[in-house]
C-alpha atoms as a PDB file:
ATOM      1  CA  MET A   1      -6.557  13.774 -11.425  1.00  0.00           C
ATOM      2  CA  PHE A   2      -7.885  11.050 -14.431  1.00  0.00           C
ATOM      3  CA  GLY A   3      -8.972  13.226 -16.765  1.00  0.00           C
ATOM      4  CA  PHE A   4     -11.672  11.099 -16.950  1.00  0.00           C
ATOM      5  CA  ASN A   5     -14.571   9.935 -13.904  1.00  0.00           C
ATOM      6  CA  PRO A   6     -13.340   5.724 -13.411  1.00  0.00           C
ATOM      7  CA  LYS A   7     -16.357   3.778 -13.166  1.00  0.00           C
ATOM      8  CA  THR A   8     -13.587   0.428 -11.993  1.00  0.00           C
ATOM      9  CA  LEU A   9     -10.481   0.430  -9.162  1.00  0.00           C
ATOM     10  CA  PHE A  10      -8.538  -2.426  -9.100  1.00  0.00           C
ATOM     11  CA  VAL A  11      -5.996  -2.568  -6.211  1.00  0.00           C
ATOM     12  CA  PHE A  12      -2.178  -4.595  -6.746  1.00  0.00           C
ATOM     13  CA  GLY A  13       0.336  -4.608  -4.336  1.00  0.00           C
ATOM     14  CA  ASP A  14       0.873  -5.102  -0.389  1.00  0.00           C
ATOM     15  CA  SER A  15      -0.145  -4.564   3.344  1.00  0.00           C
ATOM     16  CA  TYR A  16      -0.349  -0.356   2.588  1.00  0.00           C
ATOM     17  CA  ALA A  17      -2.919  -1.794  -0.318  1.00  0.00           C
ATOM     18  CA  ASP A  18      -4.480  -5.169   1.286  1.00  0.00           C
ATOM     19  CA  THR A  19      -8.128  -4.530   2.392  1.00  0.00           C
ATOM     20  CA  GLY A  20      -8.575  -8.470   2.974  1.00  0.00           C
ATOM     21  CA  ASN A  21      -6.441 -10.767   1.119  1.00  0.00           C
ATOM     22  CA  THR A  22      -3.680 -12.170   3.389  1.00  0.00           C
ATOM     23  CA  PRO A  23      -4.964 -15.149   5.608  1.00  0.00           C
ATOM     24  CA  VAL A  24      -5.696 -15.194   8.973  1.00  0.00           C
ATOM     25  CA  THR A  25      -2.706 -17.909   9.871  1.00  0.00           C
ATOM     26  CA  ILE A  26      -0.342 -15.619   8.606  1.00  0.00           C
ATOM     27  CA  ALA A  27      -0.994 -12.143   9.516  1.00  0.00           C
ATOM     28  CA  ALA A  28      -2.329  -9.525  12.733  1.00  0.00           C
ATOM     29  CA  SER A  29      -4.521  -8.110  10.097  1.00  0.00           C
ATOM     30  CA  TRP A  30      -7.204 -10.272  11.218  1.00  0.00           C
ATOM     31  CA  ARG A  31      -6.525  -9.058  15.516  1.00  0.00           C
ATOM     32  CA  PHE A  32      -7.566  -6.887  18.082  1.00  0.00           C
ATOM     33  CA  PRO A  33      -6.575  -3.905  17.846  1.00  0.00           C
ATOM     34  CA  TYR A  34      -6.617  -3.691  13.804  1.00  0.00           C
ATOM     35  CA  GLY A  35      -9.482  -2.380  13.009  1.00  0.00           C
ATOM     36  CA  ILE A  36     -10.819  -0.805  15.648  1.00  0.00           C
ATOM     37  CA  THR A  37     -11.418   3.185  14.486  1.00  0.00           C
ATOM     38  CA  PHE A  38     -12.570   1.821  11.418  1.00  0.00           C
ATOM     39  CA  PRO A  39     -14.819  -0.846  10.770  1.00  0.00           C
ATOM     40  CA  GLY A  40     -14.608  -1.100  14.685  1.00  0.00           C
ATOM     41  CA  LYS A  41     -13.305  -4.590  14.359  1.00  0.00           C
ATOM     42  CA  PRO A  42     -10.263  -6.574  12.642  1.00  0.00           C
ATOM     43  CA  ALA A  43     -11.242  -6.918   8.903  1.00  0.00           C
ATOM     44  CA  GLY A  44      -7.811  -7.861   7.597  1.00  0.00           C
ATOM     45  CA  ARG A  45      -6.929  -4.273   6.983  1.00  0.00           C
ATOM     46  CA  PHE A  46      -3.057  -3.797   8.596  1.00  0.00           C
ATOM     47  CA  SER A  47      -3.918  -0.242  10.229  1.00  0.00           C
ATOM     48  CA  ASP A  48      -6.492   0.625  12.769  1.00  0.00           C
ATOM     49  CA  GLY A  49      -8.648   1.686   9.678  1.00  0.00           C
ATOM     50  CA  ARG A  50      -8.582   2.591   6.544  1.00  0.00           C
ATOM     51  CA  VAL A  51      -5.706   2.272   3.682  1.00  0.00           C
ATOM     52  CA  SER A  52      -4.587   3.575   0.795  1.00  0.00           C
ATOM     53  CA  THR A  53      -7.431   1.548  -0.816  1.00  0.00           C
ATOM     54  CA  ASP A  54     -10.198   2.914   1.076  1.00  0.00           C
ATOM     55  CA  TYR A  55      -8.787   6.814   0.463  1.00  0.00           C
ATOM     56  CA  LEU A  56      -8.539   6.326  -3.343  1.00  0.00           C
ATOM     57  CA  ALA A  57     -11.905   4.795  -4.031  1.00  0.00           C
ATOM     58  CA  LYS A  58     -13.193   7.802  -1.869  1.00  0.00           C
ATOM     59  CA  TYR A  59     -11.232  10.123  -3.678  1.00  0.00           C
ATOM     60  CA  LEU A  60     -13.044   8.327  -7.221  1.00  0.00           C
ATOM     61  CA  GLY A  61     -16.541   8.022  -5.089  1.00  0.00           C
ATOM     62  CA  LEU A  62     -16.656   4.889  -5.686  1.00  0.00           C
ATOM     63  CA  ARG A  63     -17.218   1.679  -3.041  1.00  0.00           C
ATOM     64  CA  THR A  64     -14.123   0.592  -1.805  1.00  0.00           C
ATOM     65  CA  PRO A  65     -12.926  -2.567  -4.281  1.00  0.00           C
ATOM     66  CA  THR A  66     -14.148  -6.105  -3.137  1.00  0.00           C
ATOM     67  CA  ALA A  67     -10.825  -8.143  -2.149  1.00  0.00           C
ATOM     68  CA  TYR A  68     -10.065 -11.037  -4.341  1.00  0.00           C
ATOM     69  CA  LYS A  69     -10.470 -13.705  -1.510  1.00  0.00           C
ATOM     70  CA  TRP A  70     -13.527 -12.813  -1.022  1.00  0.00           C
ATOM     71  CA  ARG A  71     -15.163 -11.924  -4.139  1.00  0.00           C
ATOM     72  CA  SER A  72     -17.551 -14.901  -3.769  1.00  0.00           C
ATOM     73  CA  PHE A  73     -19.206 -13.600  -1.071  1.00  0.00           C
ATOM     74  CA  ALA A  74     -20.410 -10.399  -2.606  1.00  0.00           C
ATOM     75  CA  ARG A  75     -23.873  -9.665  -3.011  1.00  0.00           C
ATOM     76  CA  SER A  76     -23.827  -9.075  -6.394  1.00  0.00           C
ATOM     77  CA  ARG A  77     -22.421  -8.955  -9.536  1.00  0.00           C
ATOM     78  CA  GLN A  78     -22.860  -5.516  -9.964  1.00  0.00           C
ATOM     79  CA  VAL A  79     -20.599  -5.298  -6.537  1.00  0.00           C
ATOM     80  CA  VAL A  80     -17.558  -7.221  -8.384  1.00  0.00           C
ATOM     81  CA  LYS A  81     -17.886  -4.871 -11.505  1.00  0.00           C
ATOM     82  CA  LYS A  82     -16.750  -1.592  -9.757  1.00  0.00           C
ATOM     83  CA  GLY A  83     -13.676  -3.363  -8.759  1.00  0.00           C
ATOM     84  CA  ILE A  84     -11.380  -5.834  -6.744  1.00  0.00           C
ATOM     85  CA  ASN A  85      -8.246  -5.806  -5.036  1.00  0.00           C
ATOM     86  CA  PHE A  86      -5.918  -8.356  -5.804  1.00  0.00           C
ATOM     87  CA  ALA A  87      -3.192  -6.646  -2.500  1.00  0.00           C
ATOM     88  CA  TYR A  88      -1.575  -8.868  -0.036  1.00  0.00           C
ATOM     89  CA  GLY A  89       0.799  -8.156   2.958  1.00  0.00           C
ATOM     90  CA  GLY A  90       3.775  -8.670   2.695  1.00  0.00           C
ATOM     91  CA  ALA A  91       3.834  -9.036  -1.621  1.00  0.00           C
ATOM     92  CA  GLY A  92       6.834  -7.713  -3.205  1.00  0.00           C
ATOM     93  CA  VAL A  93       7.349  -8.261  -7.478  1.00  0.00           C
ATOM     94  CA  PHE A  94       9.755 -11.082  -6.509  1.00  0.00           C
ATOM     95  CA  LYS A  95       9.195 -13.631  -3.695  1.00  0.00           C
ATOM     96  CA  THR A  96       9.213 -12.454  -0.123  1.00  0.00           C
ATOM     97  CA  ILE A  97       9.708 -14.349   3.077  1.00  0.00           C
ATOM     98  CA  PHE A  98       6.007 -13.855   3.551  1.00  0.00           C
ATOM     99  CA  LYS A  99       4.146 -16.477   1.552  1.00  0.00           C
ATOM    100  CA  VAL A 100       2.028 -14.828  -0.444  1.00  0.00           C
ATOM    101  CA  PRO A 101       1.352 -13.817  -4.438  1.00  0.00           C
ATOM    102  CA  LYS A 102       3.827 -11.405  -5.866  1.00  0.00           C
ATOM    103  CA  ALA A 103       2.527  -8.751  -7.845  1.00  0.00           C
ATOM    104  CA  GLY A 104       3.066 -11.122 -11.034  1.00  0.00           C
ATOM    105  CA  ARG A 105       0.615 -13.795 -10.176  1.00  0.00           C
ATOM    106  CA  GLN A 106      -1.591 -11.151  -8.696  1.00  0.00           C
ATOM    107  CA  ILE A 107      -2.121  -9.740 -12.312  1.00  0.00           C
ATOM    108  CA  ASP A 108      -2.354 -13.459 -13.427  1.00  0.00           C
ATOM    109  CA  SER A 109      -5.350 -13.136 -11.126  1.00  0.00           C
ATOM    110  CA  PHE A 110      -7.018 -10.170 -12.993  1.00  0.00           C
ATOM    111  CA  GLU A 111      -6.420 -11.959 -16.411  1.00  0.00           C
ATOM    112  CA  GLN A 112      -8.051 -15.125 -15.525  1.00  0.00           C
ATOM    113  CA  LEU A 113     -11.484 -12.671 -14.471  1.00  0.00           C
ATOM    114  CA  ILE A 114     -10.421 -10.869 -17.823  1.00  0.00           C
ATOM    115  CA  ARG A 115     -10.609 -14.118 -19.700  1.00  0.00           C
ATOM    116  CA  ARG A 116     -13.902 -15.271 -18.009  1.00  0.00           C
ATOM    117  CA  ASN A 117     -16.212 -12.363 -19.444  1.00  0.00           C
ATOM    118  CA  VAL A 118     -16.152 -11.263 -15.573  1.00  0.00           C
ATOM    119  CA  TYR A 119     -14.718  -7.378 -17.363  1.00  0.00           C
ATOM    120  CA  SER A 120     -16.076  -6.261 -20.824  1.00  0.00           C
ATOM    121  CA  PRO A 121     -13.657  -4.131 -22.787  1.00  0.00           C
ATOM    122  CA  ALA A 122     -15.511  -1.475 -22.006  1.00  0.00           C
ATOM    123  CA  ASP A 123     -15.097  -1.748 -17.923  1.00  0.00           C
ATOM    124  CA  LEU A 124     -12.118  -1.665 -18.147  1.00  0.00           C
ATOM    125  CA  ASN A 125     -11.661   1.260 -20.303  1.00  0.00           C
ATOM    126  CA  SER A 126     -12.677   3.141 -17.778  1.00  0.00           C
ATOM    127  CA  SER A 127     -10.994   2.218 -14.823  1.00  0.00           C
ATOM    128  CA  VAL A 128      -7.979   2.744 -12.733  1.00  0.00           C
ATOM    129  CA  ALA A 129      -5.721   0.422 -11.103  1.00  0.00           C
ATOM    130  CA  LEU A 130      -3.491   1.369  -8.297  1.00  0.00           C
ATOM    131  CA  PHE A 131       0.174  -0.173  -8.078  1.00  0.00           C
ATOM    132  CA  SER A 132       1.585  -0.061  -4.272  1.00  0.00           C
ATOM    133  CA  ILE A 133       4.619  -2.450  -4.238  1.00  0.00           C
ATOM    134  CA  VAL A 134       6.502  -0.142  -1.452  1.00  0.00           C
ATOM    135  CA  GLY A 135       9.462  -2.274   0.325  1.00  0.00           C
ATOM    136  CA  ASN A 136       8.936  -5.896   0.907  1.00  0.00           C
ATOM    137  CA  ASP A 137      11.481  -7.000  -1.598  1.00  0.00           C
ATOM    138  CA  TYR A 138      14.098  -4.824   0.172  1.00  0.00           C
ATOM    139  CA  LEU A 139      12.962  -6.242   3.647  1.00  0.00           C
ATOM    140  CA  THR A 140      13.368  -9.547   2.274  1.00  0.00           C
ATOM    141  CA  TYR A 141      16.523  -8.719   1.134  1.00  0.00           C
ATOM    142  CA  ASN A 142      17.371  -7.405   4.672  1.00  0.00           C
ATOM    143  CA  ARG A 143      16.614 -10.552   6.399  1.00  0.00           C
ATOM    144  CA  LEU A 144      18.447 -12.733   4.283  1.00  0.00           C
ATOM    145  CA  ASN A 145      21.623 -10.832   5.211  1.00  0.00           C
ATOM    146  CA  GLY A 146      22.090  -8.776   1.839  1.00  0.00           C
ATOM    147  CA  THR A 147      24.970  -6.579   1.501  1.00  0.00           C
ATOM    148  CA  SER A 148      25.071  -2.595   0.864  1.00  0.00           C
ATOM    149  CA  GLN A 149      26.801  -3.217  -2.134  1.00  0.00           C
ATOM    150  CA  GLY A 150      24.909  -5.782  -3.963  1.00  0.00           C
ATOM    151  CA  ARG A 151      21.296  -3.508  -3.324  1.00  0.00           C
ATOM    152  CA  PRO A 152      22.021  -1.070  -6.153  1.00  0.00           C
ATOM    153  CA  GLU A 153      21.943  -4.174  -8.698  1.00  0.00           C
ATOM    154  CA  LEU A 154      18.553  -5.389  -6.608  1.00  0.00           C
ATOM    155  CA  ILE A 155      16.735  -1.720  -6.849  1.00  0.00           C
ATOM    156  CA  ARG A 156      17.194  -1.791 -10.572  1.00  0.00           C
ATOM    157  CA  ARG A 157      16.203  -5.223 -10.450  1.00  0.00           C
ATOM    158  CA  VAL A 158      12.973  -4.231  -8.912  1.00  0.00           C
ATOM    159  CA  VAL A 159      12.515  -1.231 -10.731  1.00  0.00           C
ATOM    160  CA  LYS A 160      12.143  -3.073 -14.036  1.00  0.00           C
ATOM    161  CA  GLU A 161       9.919  -5.731 -12.745  1.00  0.00           C
ATOM    162  CA  ILE A 162       7.221  -2.714 -11.544  1.00  0.00           C
ATOM    163  CA  LEU A 163       7.870  -1.122 -14.481  1.00  0.00           C
ATOM    164  CA  LEU A 164       6.869  -4.612 -16.649  1.00  0.00           C
ATOM    165  CA  ASN A 165       4.019  -5.424 -14.455  1.00  0.00           C
ATOM    166  CA  VAL A 166       2.297  -1.807 -14.573  1.00  0.00           C
ATOM    167  CA  LYS A 167       2.975  -1.920 -18.444  1.00  0.00           C
ATOM    168  CA  ARG A 168       1.311  -5.776 -18.105  1.00  0.00           C
ATOM    169  CA  ILE A 169      -2.030  -3.595 -16.714  1.00  0.00           C
ATOM    170  CA  LYS A 170      -2.309  -1.328 -18.946  1.00  0.00           C
ATOM    171  CA  GLU A 171      -1.843  -4.151 -21.732  1.00  0.00           C
ATOM    172  CA  LEU A 172      -5.365  -6.269 -19.900  1.00  0.00           C
ATOM    173  CA  GLY A 173      -6.782  -2.587 -21.044  1.00  0.00           C
ATOM    174  CA  VAL A 174      -7.140  -0.623 -17.652  1.00  0.00           C
ATOM    175  CA  ARG A 175      -7.041   2.675 -18.769  1.00  0.00           C
ATOM    176  CA  GLN A 176      -4.000   4.478 -16.422  1.00  0.00           C
ATOM    177  CA  VAL A 177      -2.430   2.948 -14.136  1.00  0.00           C
ATOM    178  CA  LEU A 178      -1.262   4.930 -10.419  1.00  0.00           C
ATOM    179  CA  VAL A 179       2.194   3.903  -9.513  1.00  0.00           C
ATOM    180  CA  ALA A 180       3.127   4.288  -5.859  1.00  0.00           C
ATOM    181  CA  MET A 181       6.775   5.582  -5.258  1.00  0.00           C
ATOM    182  CA  SER A 182       8.781   4.282  -2.121  1.00  0.00           C
ATOM    183  CA  THR A 183       8.296   5.778   1.244  1.00  0.00           C
ATOM    184  CA  PRO A 184      11.437   6.738   3.232  1.00  0.00           C
ATOM    185  CA  GLN A 185      12.386   3.591   3.819  1.00  0.00           C
ATOM    186  CA  LYS A 186      14.542   4.163   6.984  1.00  0.00           C
ATOM    187  CA  CYS A 187      11.611   6.198   8.285  1.00  0.00           C
ATOM    188  CA  MET A 188       9.453   3.655   9.850  1.00  0.00           C
ATOM    189  CA  PRO A 189       9.286   2.553  13.241  1.00  0.00           C
ATOM    190  CA  LEU A 190      10.654  -0.732  12.966  1.00  0.00           C
ATOM    191  CA  LEU A 191      13.886   0.996  11.438  1.00  0.00           C
ATOM    192  CA  THR A 192      14.744   4.096  13.026  1.00  0.00           C
ATOM    193  CA  THR A 193      16.972   4.801  15.715  1.00  0.00           C
ATOM    194  CA  THR A 194      17.196   7.397  18.483  1.00  0.00           C
ATOM    195  CA  LYS A 195      18.660   9.296  15.806  1.00  0.00           C
ATOM    196  CA  GLY A 196      15.359   9.686  14.208  1.00  0.00           C
ATOM    197  CA  CYS A 197      15.411   8.252  10.367  1.00  0.00           C
ATOM    198  CA  ASN A 198      17.419   9.218   7.458  1.00  0.00           C
ATOM    199  CA  THR A 199      15.047  11.180   4.896  1.00  0.00           C
ATOM    200  CA  SER A 200      18.140  11.038   2.548  1.00  0.00           C
ATOM    201  CA  ASP A 201      18.717   7.722   2.063  1.00  0.00           C
ATOM    202  CA  THR A 202      20.674   7.052  -1.233  1.00  0.00           C
ATOM    203  CA  PHE A 203      18.950   3.699  -2.086  1.00  0.00           C
ATOM    204  CA  THR A 204      14.809   4.952  -1.624  1.00  0.00           C
ATOM    205  CA  ASN A 205      16.325   7.930  -3.685  1.00  0.00           C
ATOM    206  CA  LEU A 206      17.832   5.521  -6.604  1.00  0.00           C
ATOM    207  CA  HIS A 207      14.157   3.084  -6.433  1.00  0.00           C
ATOM    208  CA  ASN A 208      12.199   6.668  -6.931  1.00  0.00           C
ATOM    209  CA  THR A 209      14.591   7.947  -9.509  1.00  0.00           C
ATOM    210  CA  LEU A 210      14.628   5.214 -11.612  1.00  0.00           C
ATOM    211  CA  LEU A 211      11.298   4.507 -11.283  1.00  0.00           C
ATOM    212  CA  ARG A 212      10.048   8.197 -12.321  1.00  0.00           C
ATOM    213  CA  GLU A 213      12.222   8.225 -15.419  1.00  0.00           C
ATOM    214  CA  GLY A 214      10.690   4.396 -15.999  1.00  0.00           C
ATOM    215  CA  LEU A 215       7.345   5.339 -15.820  1.00  0.00           C
ATOM    216  CA  ARG A 216       8.260   8.976 -18.114  1.00  0.00           C
ATOM    217  CA  LYS A 217       9.779   6.432 -20.753  1.00  0.00           C
ATOM    218  CA  LEU A 218       6.318   4.141 -21.056  1.00  0.00           C
ATOM    219  CA  ASN A 219       4.011   7.364 -21.390  1.00  0.00           C
ATOM    220  CA  ASP A 220       5.928   8.547 -23.767  1.00  0.00           C
ATOM    221  CA  GLU A 221       6.334   5.109 -25.775  1.00  0.00           C
ATOM    222  CA  SER A 222       2.288   5.079 -25.334  1.00  0.00           C
ATOM    223  CA  ASN A 223       2.131   8.867 -26.537  1.00  0.00           C
ATOM    224  CA  ASP A 224      -0.063   9.467 -23.749  1.00  0.00           C
ATOM    225  CA  LYS A 225      -0.722   9.629 -19.704  1.00  0.00           C
ATOM    226  CA  SER A 226      -1.338   6.077 -18.553  1.00  0.00           C
ATOM    227  CA  PHE A 227       0.898   5.992 -16.058  1.00  0.00           C
ATOM    228  CA  LEU A 228       0.597   8.120 -13.390  1.00  0.00           C
ATOM    229  CA  GLU A 229       2.976   9.035 -10.322  1.00  0.00           C
ATOM    230  CA  PHE A 230       1.538   8.392  -6.666  1.00  0.00           C
ATOM    231  CA  ASP A 231       4.234  10.281  -4.782  1.00  0.00           C
ATOM    232  CA  LEU A 232       4.038   8.388  -1.583  1.00  0.00           C
ATOM    233  CA  TYR A 233       7.450   9.861  -0.900  1.00  0.00           C
ATOM    234  CA  ASN A 234       7.510  13.581  -0.611  1.00  0.00           C
ATOM    235  CA  ALA A 235       4.286  12.844   1.400  1.00  0.00           C
ATOM    236  CA  PHE A 236       5.573  10.852   4.061  1.00  0.00           C
ATOM    237  CA  LEU A 237       8.000  13.543   3.948  1.00  0.00           C
ATOM    238  CA  SER A 238       6.144  16.908   4.400  1.00  0.00           C
ATOM    239  CA  ILE A 239       4.200  15.146   7.215  1.00  0.00           C
ATOM    240  CA  PHE A 240       7.423  14.442   9.069  1.00  0.00           C
ATOM    241  CA  ASN A 241       8.660  17.688   8.855  1.00  0.00           C
ATOM    242  CA  ASN A 242       5.684  19.626   9.535  1.00  0.00           C
ATOM    243  CA  LYS A 243       4.069  17.026  12.177  1.00  0.00           C
ATOM    244  CA  GLY A 244       1.200  16.605   9.948  1.00  0.00           C
ATOM    245  CA  VAL A 245      -0.827  18.738   7.779  1.00  0.00           C
ATOM    246  CA  PRO A 246      -2.158  22.132   8.578  1.00  0.00           C
ATOM    247  CA  GLY A 247      -5.582  21.648   9.377  1.00  0.00           C
ATOM    248  CA  VAL A 248      -5.853  17.736   8.503  1.00  0.00           C
ATOM    249  CA  SER A 249      -3.761  16.736  11.567  1.00  0.00           C
ATOM    250  CA  LYS A 250      -0.949  16.733  14.199  1.00  0.00           C
ATOM    251  CA  PHE A 251       1.791  14.254  15.195  1.00  0.00           C
ATOM    252  CA  ALA A 252       3.634  15.143  17.784  1.00  0.00           C
ATOM    253  CA  ASP A 253       6.373  12.480  17.004  1.00  0.00           C
ATOM    254  CA  PRO A 254       4.981  11.162  13.653  1.00  0.00           C
ATOM    255  CA  LEU A 255       7.779   8.866  13.523  1.00  0.00           C
ATOM    256  CA  LYS A 256       6.797   6.998  17.005  1.00  0.00           C
ATOM    257  CA  ALA A 257       4.147   4.353  16.427  1.00  0.00           C
ATOM    258  CA  CYS A 258       0.612   3.613  18.308  1.00  0.00           C
ATOM    259  CA  CYS A 259       0.951   0.146  18.810  1.00  0.00           C
ATOM    260  CA  VAL A 260       4.026  -1.824  19.731  1.00  0.00           C
ATOM    261  CA  GLY A 261       5.280  -4.826  21.260  1.00  0.00           C
ATOM    262  CA  ASN A 262       6.492  -4.661  24.683  1.00  0.00           C
ATOM    263  CA  LYS A 263       9.374  -6.922  24.541  1.00  0.00           C
ATOM    264  CA  ARG A 264      11.864  -7.978  21.834  1.00  0.00           C
ATOM    265  CA  GLY A 265      10.203 -10.026  19.571  1.00  0.00           C
ATOM    266  CA  ASN A 266       6.549  -8.931  20.223  1.00  0.00           C
ATOM    267  CA  SER A 267       5.082  -6.854  17.901  1.00  0.00           C
ATOM    268  CA  CYS A 268       1.187  -5.500  17.871  1.00  0.00           C
ATOM    269  CA  GLY A 269      -1.789  -7.441  17.916  1.00  0.00           C
ATOM    270  CA  ASP A 270       0.785 -10.398  19.852  1.00  0.00           C
ATOM    271  CA  VAL A 271      -0.831 -12.821  23.077  1.00  0.00           C
ATOM    272  CA  GLY A 272       0.155 -14.805  24.853  1.00  0.00           C
ATOM    273  CA  LYS A 273      -0.746 -18.289  25.513  1.00  0.00           C
ATOM    274  CA  LYS A 274      -3.175 -17.320  28.046  1.00  0.00           C
ATOM    275  CA  GLY A 275      -4.537 -14.301  25.902  1.00  0.00           C
ATOM    276  CA  GLU A 276      -2.530 -11.626  27.658  1.00  0.00           C
ATOM    277  CA  LYS A 277      -1.831  -8.938  25.283  1.00  0.00           C
ATOM    278  CA  LEU A 278       1.797  -8.788  24.828  1.00  0.00           C
ATOM    279  CA  PHE A 279       1.480  -4.891  23.272  1.00  0.00           C
ATOM    280  CA  SER A 280       0.672  -1.431  24.609  1.00  0.00           C
ATOM    281  CA  LEU A 281      -1.954   0.703  22.604  1.00  0.00           C
ATOM    282  CA  CYS A 282      -1.648   4.277  22.202  1.00  0.00           C
ATOM    283  CA  LYS A 283      -4.955   6.146  23.508  1.00  0.00           C
ATOM    284  CA  ASP A 284      -5.623   8.048  20.173  1.00  0.00           C
ATOM    285  CA  PRO A 285      -4.713   6.873  17.351  1.00  0.00           C
ATOM    286  CA  LYS A 286      -5.895   9.858  15.694  1.00  0.00           C
ATOM    287  CA  SER A 287      -2.636  11.356  17.286  1.00  0.00           C
ATOM    288  CA  PHE A 288      -0.570   8.397  15.556  1.00  0.00           C
ATOM    289  CA  PHE A 289       1.148   8.969  11.747  1.00  0.00           C
ATOM    290  CA  PHE A 290       2.275   4.883  12.472  1.00  0.00           C
ATOM    291  CA  TRP A 291      -0.134   2.533  13.328  1.00  0.00           C
ATOM    292  CA  ASP A 292       2.279  -0.065  14.339  1.00  0.00           C
ATOM    293  CA  ASP A 293       6.081  -0.665  13.313  1.00  0.00           C
ATOM    294  CA  VAL A 294       5.674  -0.302   9.468  1.00  0.00           C
ATOM    295  CA  HIS A 295       1.856   0.351   8.684  1.00  0.00           C
ATOM    296  CA  ILE A 296      -0.152   3.900   8.667  1.00  0.00           C
ATOM    297  CA  THR A 297      -3.211   4.930  11.102  1.00  0.00           C
ATOM    298  CA  ASP A 298      -6.332   6.097   9.600  1.00  0.00           C
ATOM    299  CA  GLN A 299      -5.535   9.690  10.387  1.00  0.00           C
ATOM    300  CA  GLY A 300      -2.448   9.119   8.655  1.00  0.00           C
ATOM    301  CA  TRP A 301      -3.460   7.811   5.610  1.00  0.00           C
ATOM    302  CA  ARG A 302      -6.356  10.732   5.167  1.00  0.00           C
ATOM    303  CA  SER A 303      -3.513  12.696   5.791  1.00  0.00           C
ATOM    304  CA  VAL A 304      -1.275  11.526   3.075  1.00  0.00           C
ATOM    305  CA  PHE A 305      -4.241  11.820   0.511  1.00  0.00           C
ATOM    306  CA  SER A 306      -4.821  15.131   2.162  1.00  0.00           C
ATOM    307  CA  LEU A 307      -1.942  16.299   0.388  1.00  0.00           C
ATOM    308  CA  LEU A 308      -1.530  14.231  -2.916  1.00  0.00           C
ATOM    309  CA  LEU A 309      -5.302  15.061  -4.216  1.00  0.00           C
ATOM    310  CA  PRO A 310      -6.295  18.412  -2.066  1.00  0.00           C
ATOM    311  CA  ASP A 311      -9.106  18.965  -4.409  1.00  0.00           C
ATOM    312  CA  LYS A 312     -10.714  16.960  -2.368  1.00  0.00           C
ATOM    313  CA  GLN A 313     -11.913  16.618   1.287  1.00  0.00           C
ATOM    314  CA  PHE A 314     -10.988  13.276   3.184  1.00  0.00           C
END
């Protein structure tokens, strides 16, 4: 996929890529039943198991990069040399309703490590980065009662900022940057209706069209293929339409979540004052694509990667 064998993986993004940066105080990912499939207990991943970062690292033959927050606990300098994950659940390219570092701040942390000579030019030249910001800017806009009329302008601003961010990552020395397309925004259990989801959502299509055009221009400017599309949109759509991936997974209802709150206002992982569970959990997460009302199961991510990187067994 990359045309060379990357030795180092850097990750920037949101909860689809976070492996433990988001604080315990604000993240359900540190509570049961998150992590029940892998590693067997809550470990900061917004899933029952692995997330996109883990599967990309597996594809590259690398260990999952250490979460930035936990880098000082890495057993050896060589572990950090293999890469760092700067992603935080709730992050966007602008400030969101979640109090976590936006993408630009994550890149600031990366730049500080480079300035401290944690990574040499040779390390960076043999590295790739995943940039996965797929919707928190829009979720924040919705929560703050943004209008449909103002949304196209927001989309243009978000895409412009994504392009500035990925260009900066490249300019810091990373050889190639894999950039996630937006998923079908209205197909998350959080936003679906009894009629299903709107797969022809014009706003999501505008985001992805502008992002593709922008990445093409960046590649033309650099006269190489430094920026690669990671087409989550069409992978998700294929899984929804086919109810899984032949030979890999079957999802009877791919828009239904495995772990859901019992009442309005409750969500996966919530407990009451007496410690009682305020959520319901499915019997077999492998038969669900969505883990909770936003995030993907381990089996869901396995399905996505088997479509996007079919030359590898996941």
